[in-house]
Amino acid sequence: IREKLGVKAREDSDGPKVKKAPRWQRRIGEKIIQDRKDISYITELERGVELKQRIKEGLNRRHPLLKKKGRKVIMEELKQRLLAKAAKIKRFKAQGKRASQNLLFKNNQRVFYRSLSTPLPADSPKEAPPTPQQREDVKEFWEGSWGSEVDYNRNADW
């Protein structure tokens, strides 16, 4: 059919498509990588290692106040930027998850509730099983309420 229509096959259609991260996430990720490189370069300068001229020029271009503020201050700023960017990615992912769940709830509540009861993905953090001490505390807490027999009025009118 392709030949009749004159459509060429894609060269890269060998295997399944790999799902890329969204553009905003890749952009923030690239900035994180650059900040980590800059932290590494500044650390090397602190140790007294001589860097290539191109790397020094790049550092001075990205951080024009490097000489005025000092290396330690710029290093702290970069570390704070890293934390802020990581929090931004986490916040955006949570926002996207909320939006998709809202849409799923709006369109198909059955699928939404089933998705909530499915097991967690492998990369998400799981709660640790309760320790014996926690089990004892829970048992002690509930035993006062549920552990003793109580006589109720069996002849009550309902």
N, C-alpha and C. Protein backbone atom coordinates (compact mmCIF):
# COMPACT_ATOMS: atom_id res chain seq x y z
N ILE A 1 0.84 -1.18 0.00
CA ILE A 1 0.00 0.00 0.00
C ILE A 1 0.87 1.24 0.00
N ARG A 2 1.98 1.18 0.76
CA ARG A 2 2.89 2.32 0.82
C ARG A 2 3.44 2.67 -0.56
N GLU A 3 3.78 1.66 -1.30
CA GLU A 3 4.36 1.89 -2.64
C GLU A 3 3.34 2.53 -3.56
N LYS A 4 2.08 2.10 -3.48
CA LYS A 4 1.04 2.68 -4.33
C LYS A 4 0.80 4.14 -4.01
N LEU A 5 0.84 4.47 -2.72
CA LEU A 5 0.62 5.85 -2.31
C LEU A 5 1.88 6.71 -2.46
N GLY A 6 3.01 6.07 -2.60
CA GLY A 6 4.26 6.81 -2.73
C GLY A 6 4.80 7.31 -1.41
N VAL A 7 4.41 6.68 -0.33
CA VAL A 7 4.88 7.08 0.99
C VAL A 7 6.11 6.25 1.33
N LYS A 8 7.15 6.94 1.78
CA LYS A 8 8.39 6.26 2.15
C LYS A 8 8.31 5.81 3.61
N ALA A 9 8.92 4.68 3.87
CA ALA A 9 8.99 4.18 5.24
C ALA A 9 10.03 4.97 6.01
N ARG A 10 9.76 5.15 7.28
CA ARG A 10 10.74 5.85 8.11
C ARG A 10 11.94 4.95 8.34
N GLU A 11 13.09 5.56 8.40
CA GLU A 11 14.32 4.81 8.59
C GLU A 11 14.42 4.26 10.01
N ASP A 12 13.90 5.00 10.96
CA ASP A 12 14.07 4.62 12.36
C ASP A 12 12.89 3.81 12.88
N SER A 13 12.13 3.19 12.01
CA SER A 13 10.95 2.45 12.46
C SER A 13 11.28 0.99 12.77
N ASP A 14 12.51 0.72 13.18
CA ASP A 14 12.93 -0.65 13.48
C ASP A 14 12.22 -1.21 14.70
N GLY A 15 12.24 -0.46 15.78
CA GLY A 15 11.69 -0.97 17.03
C GLY A 15 10.63 -0.04 17.58
N PRO A 16 10.20 -0.33 18.79
CA PRO A 16 9.18 0.52 19.41
C PRO A 16 9.74 1.90 19.74
N LYS A 17 8.87 2.88 19.73
CA LYS A 17 9.29 4.23 20.07
C LYS A 17 9.59 4.32 21.56
N VAL A 18 10.64 5.02 21.88
CA VAL A 18 10.98 5.25 23.27
C VAL A 18 10.30 6.55 23.68
N LYS A 19 9.57 6.49 24.77
CA LYS A 19 8.85 7.68 25.22
C LYS A 19 9.83 8.67 25.82
N LYS A 20 9.84 9.87 25.26
CA LYS A 20 10.72 10.92 25.77
C LYS A 20 10.06 11.64 26.93
N ALA A 21 10.90 12.23 27.75
CA ALA A 21 10.39 13.07 28.81
C ALA A 21 9.83 14.34 28.18
N PRO A 22 8.88 15.00 28.83
CA PRO A 22 8.34 16.25 28.28
C PRO A 22 9.44 17.29 28.11
N ARG A 23 9.20 18.22 27.21
CA ARG A 23 10.21 19.23 26.88
C ARG A 23 10.61 20.05 28.11
N TRP A 24 9.63 20.43 28.95
CA TRP A 24 9.95 21.23 30.13
C TRP A 24 10.89 20.47 31.06
N GLN A 25 10.67 19.15 31.16
CA GLN A 25 11.51 18.35 32.06
C GLN A 25 12.92 18.20 31.50
N ARG A 26 13.03 18.02 30.19
CA ARG A 26 14.36 17.92 29.58
C ARG A 26 15.11 19.24 29.72
N ARG A 27 14.39 20.36 29.55
CA ARG A 27 15.03 21.67 29.66
C ARG A 27 15.56 21.90 31.08
N ILE A 28 14.75 21.61 32.08
CA ILE A 28 15.20 21.79 33.47
C ILE A 28 16.32 20.81 33.78
N GLY A 29 16.22 19.59 33.25
CA GLY A 29 17.28 18.60 33.45
C GLY A 29 18.61 19.05 32.86
N GLU A 30 18.56 19.69 31.70
CA GLU A 30 19.80 20.20 31.09
C GLU A 30 20.40 21.30 31.95
N LYS A 31 19.55 22.14 32.53
CA LYS A 31 20.05 23.20 33.41
C LYS A 31 20.67 22.61 34.67
N ILE A 32 20.07 21.54 35.19
CA ILE A 32 20.62 20.86 36.36
C ILE A 32 22.00 20.30 36.04
N ILE A 33 22.12 19.68 34.87
CA ILE A 33 23.41 19.12 34.46
C ILE A 33 24.46 20.22 34.37
N GLN A 34 24.09 21.36 33.79
CA GLN A 34 25.04 22.47 33.65
C GLN A 34 25.44 23.01 35.02
N ASP A 35 24.49 23.14 35.93
CA ASP A 35 24.82 23.63 37.27
C ASP A 35 25.75 22.66 37.99
N ARG A 36 25.53 21.36 37.81
CA ARG A 36 26.42 20.37 38.43
C ARG A 36 27.83 20.47 37.86
N LYS A 37 27.91 20.69 36.55
CA LYS A 37 29.24 20.87 35.94
C LYS A 37 29.93 22.09 36.53
N ASP A 38 29.17 23.19 36.66
CA ASP A 38 29.77 24.41 37.21
C ASP A 38 30.24 24.21 38.64
N ILE A 39 29.46 23.49 39.43
CA ILE A 39 29.88 23.20 40.81
C ILE A 39 31.17 22.39 40.79
N SER A 40 31.25 21.44 39.89
CA SER A 40 32.46 20.62 39.78
C SER A 40 33.66 21.47 39.38
N TYR A 41 33.46 22.36 38.42
CA TYR A 41 34.56 23.22 37.97
C TYR A 41 35.03 24.14 39.10
N ILE A 42 34.09 24.72 39.83
CA ILE A 42 34.46 25.63 40.92
C ILE A 42 35.19 24.85 42.02
N THR A 43 34.75 23.63 42.28
CA THR A 43 35.43 22.79 43.27
C THR A 43 36.86 22.52 42.83
N GLU A 44 37.04 22.25 41.56
CA GLU A 44 38.40 22.01 41.05
C GLU A 44 39.25 23.27 41.19
N LEU A 45 38.67 24.43 40.93
CA LEU A 45 39.42 25.68 41.11
C LEU A 45 39.81 25.87 42.57
N GLU A 46 38.91 25.51 43.49
CA GLU A 46 39.21 25.62 44.92
C GLU A 46 40.40 24.73 45.31
N ARG A 47 40.49 23.57 44.67
CA ARG A 47 41.58 22.64 44.96
C ARG A 47 42.90 23.09 44.35
N GLY A 48 42.83 24.06 43.45
CA GLY A 48 44.04 24.54 42.82
C GLY A 48 44.35 23.90 41.49
N VAL A 49 43.41 23.16 40.93
CA VAL A 49 43.61 22.51 39.64
C VAL A 49 43.43 23.56 38.55
N GLU A 50 44.31 23.56 37.59
CA GLU A 50 44.24 24.50 36.47
C GLU A 50 43.26 23.96 35.43
N LEU A 51 42.24 24.77 35.11
CA LEU A 51 41.24 24.37 34.12
C LEU A 51 41.61 24.94 32.76
N LYS A 52 41.03 24.36 31.72
CA LYS A 52 41.24 24.86 30.37
C LYS A 52 40.65 26.27 30.25
N GLN A 53 41.22 27.05 29.36
CA GLN A 53 40.79 28.43 29.18
C GLN A 53 39.32 28.50 28.76
N ARG A 54 38.90 27.57 27.90
CA ARG A 54 37.51 27.55 27.42
C ARG A 54 36.54 27.35 28.58
N ILE A 55 36.90 26.48 29.53
CA ILE A 55 36.04 26.22 30.68
C ILE A 55 35.98 27.45 31.58
N LYS A 56 37.11 28.10 31.79
CA LYS A 56 37.13 29.32 32.61
C LYS A 56 36.27 30.41 31.99
N GLU A 57 36.37 30.57 30.68
CA GLU A 57 35.57 31.59 29.99
C GLU A 57 34.07 31.28 30.12
N GLY A 58 33.73 30.02 30.00
CA GLY A 58 32.33 29.63 30.17
C GLY A 58 31.81 29.92 31.57
N LEU A 59 32.63 29.63 32.58
CA LEU A 59 32.25 29.93 33.96
C LEU A 59 32.06 31.42 34.16
N ASN A 60 32.98 32.22 33.65
CA ASN A 60 32.88 33.67 33.80
C ASN A 60 31.69 34.24 33.03
N ARG A 61 31.33 33.61 31.91
CA ARG A 61 30.19 34.08 31.12
C ARG A 61 28.87 33.75 31.84
N ARG A 62 28.78 32.54 32.39
CA ARG A 62 27.56 32.13 33.08
C ARG A 62 27.43 32.77 34.46
N HIS A 63 28.56 33.07 35.09
CA HIS A 63 28.57 33.65 36.44
C HIS A 63 29.49 34.87 36.43
N PRO A 64 29.00 36.01 35.92
CA PRO A 64 29.88 37.18 35.78
C PRO A 64 30.38 37.73 37.12
N LEU A 65 29.69 37.45 38.20
CA LEU A 65 30.10 37.96 39.51
C LEU A 65 30.99 36.97 40.27
N LEU A 66 31.55 36.00 39.56
CA LEU A 66 32.36 34.97 40.20
C LEU A 66 33.54 35.58 40.95
N LYS A 67 34.23 36.51 40.34
CA LYS A 67 35.40 37.11 40.99
C LYS A 67 34.98 38.09 42.08
N LYS A 68 33.86 38.79 41.85
CA LYS A 68 33.43 39.80 42.81
C LYS A 68 32.84 39.15 44.08
N LYS A 69 31.93 38.18 43.90
CA LYS A 69 31.29 37.53 45.05
C LYS A 69 32.19 36.49 45.69
N GLY A 70 32.96 35.82 44.88
CA GLY A 70 33.81 34.76 45.41
C GLY A 70 33.24 33.39 45.05
N ARG A 71 34.13 32.41 45.08
CA ARG A 71 33.76 31.06 44.66
C ARG A 71 32.76 30.41 45.62
N LYS A 72 32.97 30.62 46.91
CA LYS A 72 32.10 29.97 47.89
C LYS A 72 30.65 30.45 47.78
N VAL A 73 30.47 31.74 47.57
CA VAL A 73 29.11 32.30 47.46
C VAL A 73 28.43 31.77 46.19
N ILE A 74 29.16 31.76 45.09
CA ILE A 74 28.60 31.24 43.84
C ILE A 74 28.28 29.76 43.99
N MET A 75 29.14 29.02 44.68
CA MET A 75 28.91 27.60 44.90
C MET A 75 27.61 27.39 45.69
N GLU A 76 27.40 28.18 46.74
CA GLU A 76 26.15 28.08 47.53
C GLU A 76 24.94 28.40 46.68
N GLU A 77 25.05 29.45 45.85
CA GLU A 77 23.93 29.81 44.98
C GLU A 77 23.60 28.67 44.02
N LEU A 78 24.63 28.05 43.46
CA LEU A 78 24.40 26.94 42.53
C LEU A 78 23.73 25.76 43.24
N LYS A 79 24.15 25.47 44.45
CA LYS A 79 23.53 24.37 45.19
C LYS A 79 22.06 24.68 45.48
N GLN A 80 21.76 25.93 45.82
CA GLN A 80 20.38 26.31 46.08
C GLN A 80 19.55 26.25 44.80
N ARG A 81 20.16 26.62 43.67
CA ARG A 81 19.46 26.51 42.38
C ARG A 81 19.14 25.06 42.07
N LEU A 82 20.09 24.16 42.35
CA LEU A 82 19.85 22.74 42.11
C LEU A 82 18.64 22.24 42.91
N LEU A 83 18.60 22.61 44.17
CA LEU A 83 17.47 22.19 45.02
C LEU A 83 16.16 22.76 44.50
N ALA A 84 16.19 24.02 44.07
CA ALA A 84 14.97 24.66 43.56
C ALA A 84 14.50 23.98 42.28
N LYS A 85 15.44 23.64 41.40
CA LYS A 85 15.06 23.00 40.13
C LYS A 85 14.54 21.59 40.36
N ALA A 86 15.12 20.87 41.30
CA ALA A 86 14.63 19.53 41.61
C ALA A 86 13.22 19.61 42.20
N ALA A 87 12.98 20.60 43.05
CA ALA A 87 11.64 20.78 43.62
C ALA A 87 10.64 21.17 42.54
N LYS A 88 11.09 21.95 41.57
CA LYS A 88 10.22 22.36 40.47
C LYS A 88 9.78 21.16 39.65
N ILE A 89 10.71 20.27 39.35
CA ILE A 89 10.38 19.06 38.59
C ILE A 89 9.37 18.23 39.38
N LYS A 90 9.61 18.07 40.67
CA LYS A 90 8.71 17.28 41.52
C LYS A 90 7.32 17.91 41.55
N ARG A 91 7.27 19.23 41.68
CA ARG A 91 6.00 19.95 41.73
C ARG A 91 5.24 19.82 40.41
N PHE A 92 5.94 19.97 39.29
CA PHE A 92 5.30 19.87 37.97
C PHE A 92 4.78 18.46 37.72
N LYS A 93 5.54 17.44 38.14
CA LYS A 93 5.08 16.06 37.97
C LYS A 93 3.81 15.81 38.78
N ALA A 94 3.78 16.31 40.01
CA ALA A 94 2.59 16.14 40.86
C ALA A 94 1.40 16.86 40.24
N GLN A 95 1.64 18.04 39.70
CA GLN A 95 0.57 18.81 39.06
C GLN A 95 0.02 18.05 37.84
N GLY A 96 0.91 17.48 37.05
CA GLY A 96 0.49 16.71 35.88
C GLY A 96 -0.29 15.47 36.28
N LYS A 97 0.14 14.82 37.35
CA LYS A 97 -0.56 13.63 37.83
C LYS A 97 -1.96 14.01 38.30
N ARG A 98 -2.07 15.13 39.04
CA ARG A 98 -3.39 15.58 39.50
C ARG A 98 -4.31 15.88 38.32
N ALA A 99 -3.77 16.55 37.31
CA ALA A 99 -4.58 16.92 36.16
C ALA A 99 -5.07 15.67 35.41
N SER A 100 -4.18 14.70 35.23
CA SER A 100 -4.59 13.48 34.52
C SER A 100 -5.60 12.69 35.34
N GLN A 101 -5.43 12.67 36.67
CA GLN A 101 -6.40 11.98 37.51
C GLN A 101 -7.75 12.69 37.50
N ASN A 102 -7.75 14.02 37.50
CA ASN A 102 -9.00 14.76 37.42
C ASN A 102 -9.73 14.46 36.12
N LEU A 103 -8.99 14.43 35.04
CA LEU A 103 -9.58 14.14 33.73
C LEU A 103 -10.11 12.71 33.70
N LEU A 104 -9.35 11.79 34.24
CA LEU A 104 -9.78 10.39 34.27
C LEU A 104 -11.04 10.25 35.13
N PHE A 105 -11.10 10.94 36.25
CA PHE A 105 -12.28 10.89 37.12
C PHE A 105 -13.49 11.47 36.39
N LYS A 106 -13.26 12.55 35.68
CA LYS A 106 -14.35 13.21 34.95
C LYS A 106 -14.89 12.30 33.84
N ASN A 107 -14.00 11.61 33.13
CA ASN A 107 -14.40 10.81 31.98
C ASN A 107 -14.82 9.39 32.34
N ASN A 108 -14.11 8.76 33.29
CA ASN A 108 -14.40 7.36 33.58
C ASN A 108 -14.00 7.07 35.03
N GLN A 109 -14.98 7.18 35.93
CA GLN A 109 -14.70 7.02 37.35
C GLN A 109 -14.27 5.59 37.69
N ARG A 110 -14.80 4.64 36.99
CA ARG A 110 -14.46 3.24 37.27
C ARG A 110 -12.96 3.00 37.06
N VAL A 111 -12.45 3.48 35.93
CA VAL A 111 -11.03 3.31 35.63
C VAL A 111 -10.19 4.09 36.63
N PHE A 112 -10.68 5.28 37.02
CA PHE A 112 -9.96 6.09 38.00
C PHE A 112 -9.80 5.34 39.31
N TYR A 113 -10.88 4.79 39.84
CA TYR A 113 -10.80 4.10 41.13
C TYR A 113 -9.97 2.82 41.02
N ARG A 114 -10.04 2.17 39.88
CA ARG A 114 -9.21 0.98 39.70
C ARG A 114 -7.73 1.35 39.64
N SER A 115 -7.44 2.50 39.04
CA SER A 115 -6.03 2.93 38.98
C SER A 115 -5.50 3.26 40.37
N LEU A 116 -6.37 3.70 41.25
CA LEU A 116 -5.94 3.99 42.62
C LEU A 116 -5.61 2.72 43.39
N SER A 117 -6.31 1.63 43.07
CA SER A 117 -6.09 0.40 43.82
C SER A 117 -4.99 -0.48 43.24
N THR A 118 -4.40 -0.08 42.12
CA THR A 118 -3.31 -0.87 41.54
C THR A 118 -2.06 -0.69 42.37
N PRO A 119 -1.16 -1.67 42.35
CA PRO A 119 0.07 -1.54 43.12
C PRO A 119 0.94 -0.39 42.61
N LEU A 120 1.77 0.11 43.48
CA LEU A 120 2.65 1.22 43.15
C LEU A 120 3.68 0.80 42.12
N PRO A 121 4.11 1.73 41.26
CA PRO A 121 5.19 1.41 40.32
C PRO A 121 6.48 1.09 41.07
N ALA A 122 7.39 0.42 40.39
CA ALA A 122 8.63 -0.03 41.03
C ALA A 122 9.50 1.13 41.49
N ASP A 123 9.46 2.27 40.79
CA ASP A 123 10.37 3.37 41.13
C ASP A 123 9.83 4.27 42.23
N SER A 124 8.58 4.07 42.67
CA SER A 124 8.05 4.94 43.72
C SER A 124 8.42 4.37 45.09
N PRO A 125 8.59 5.26 46.07
CA PRO A 125 8.97 4.79 47.40
C PRO A 125 7.80 4.05 48.05
N LYS A 126 8.13 2.97 48.73
CA LYS A 126 7.11 2.17 49.40
C LYS A 126 7.31 2.30 50.90
N GLU A 127 6.21 2.16 51.62
CA GLU A 127 6.32 2.23 53.08
C GLU A 127 6.95 0.95 53.60
N ALA A 128 7.76 1.10 54.60
CA ALA A 128 8.39 -0.07 55.22
C ALA A 128 7.34 -0.79 56.06
N PRO A 129 7.44 -2.11 56.15
CA PRO A 129 6.47 -2.83 56.99
C PRO A 129 6.64 -2.42 58.45
N PRO A 130 5.55 -2.48 59.21
CA PRO A 130 5.66 -2.03 60.61
C PRO A 130 6.61 -2.92 61.41
N THR A 131 7.34 -2.29 62.29
CA THR A 131 8.26 -3.02 63.14
C THR A 131 7.47 -3.68 64.28
N PRO A 132 8.07 -4.66 64.96
CA PRO A 132 7.35 -5.30 66.09
C PRO A 132 6.93 -4.29 67.15
N GLN A 133 7.74 -3.26 67.39
CA GLN A 133 7.39 -2.25 68.39
C GLN A 133 6.14 -1.49 67.97
N GLN A 134 6.03 -1.16 66.68
CA GLN A 134 4.85 -0.45 66.18
C GLN A 134 3.62 -1.34 66.30
N ARG A 135 3.77 -2.61 66.02
CA ARG A 135 2.65 -3.55 66.13
C ARG A 135 2.14 -3.61 67.58
N GLU A 136 3.08 -3.62 68.52
CA GLU A 136 2.70 -3.66 69.93
C GLU A 136 1.93 -2.39 70.31
N ASP A 137 2.42 -1.26 69.85
CA ASP A 137 1.74 0.01 70.15
C ASP A 137 0.33 0.03 69.60
N VAL A 138 0.14 -0.44 68.38
CA VAL A 138 -1.18 -0.46 67.76
C VAL A 138 -2.10 -1.42 68.52
N LYS A 139 -1.58 -2.58 68.85
CA LYS A 139 -2.37 -3.56 69.57
C LYS A 139 -2.80 -3.01 70.93
N GLU A 140 -1.88 -2.37 71.63
CA GLU A 140 -2.17 -1.79 72.93
C GLU A 140 -3.22 -0.68 72.82
N PHE A 141 -3.12 0.13 71.77
CA PHE A 141 -4.04 1.24 71.57
C PHE A 141 -5.47 0.73 71.36
N TRP A 142 -5.65 -0.26 70.49
CA TRP A 142 -6.98 -0.72 70.13
C TRP A 142 -7.55 -1.73 71.13
N GLU A 143 -6.70 -2.33 71.92
CA GLU A 143 -7.18 -3.33 72.85
C GLU A 143 -8.11 -2.73 73.89
N GLY A 144 -7.88 -1.49 74.27
CA GLY A 144 -8.75 -0.81 75.22
C GLY A 144 -10.17 -0.64 74.68
N SER A 145 -10.29 -0.40 73.39
CA SER A 145 -11.61 -0.18 72.79
C SER A 145 -12.29 -1.47 72.40
N TRP A 146 -11.55 -2.37 71.77
CA TRP A 146 -12.16 -3.55 71.17
C TRP A 146 -11.89 -4.84 71.93
N GLY A 147 -10.98 -4.81 72.86
CA GLY A 147 -10.57 -6.04 73.51
C GLY A 147 -11.52 -6.53 74.59
N SER A 148 -12.35 -5.67 75.17
CA SER A 148 -13.22 -6.10 76.27
C SER A 148 -14.64 -6.28 75.77
N GLU A 149 -15.31 -7.25 76.35
CA GLU A 149 -16.71 -7.52 76.00
C GLU A 149 -17.59 -6.48 76.68
N VAL A 150 -18.58 -6.03 75.96
CA VAL A 150 -19.52 -5.06 76.51
C VAL A 150 -20.92 -5.63 76.34
N ASP A 151 -21.73 -5.55 77.39
CA ASP A 151 -23.11 -6.02 77.31
C ASP A 151 -23.98 -4.88 76.79
N TYR A 152 -24.67 -5.15 75.73
CA TYR A 152 -25.56 -4.17 75.14
C TYR A 152 -27.00 -4.54 75.48
N ASN A 153 -27.88 -3.61 75.34
CA ASN A 153 -29.29 -3.85 75.60
C ASN A 153 -29.85 -4.64 74.42
N ARG A 154 -30.03 -5.90 74.60
CA ARG A 154 -30.51 -6.78 73.53
C ARG A 154 -32.00 -6.55 73.23
N ASN A 155 -32.71 -5.94 74.14
CA ASN A 155 -34.15 -5.72 73.97
C ASN A 155 -34.47 -4.31 73.45
N ALA A 156 -33.49 -3.62 72.96
CA ALA A 156 -33.71 -2.25 72.48
C ALA A 156 -34.60 -2.27 71.23
N ASP A 157 -35.45 -1.26 71.11
CA ASP A 157 -36.31 -1.13 69.95
C ASP A 157 -35.59 -0.36 68.85
N TRP A 158 -35.47 -0.97 67.72
CA TRP A 158 -34.81 -0.30 66.60
C TRP A 158 -35.87 -0.04 65.59
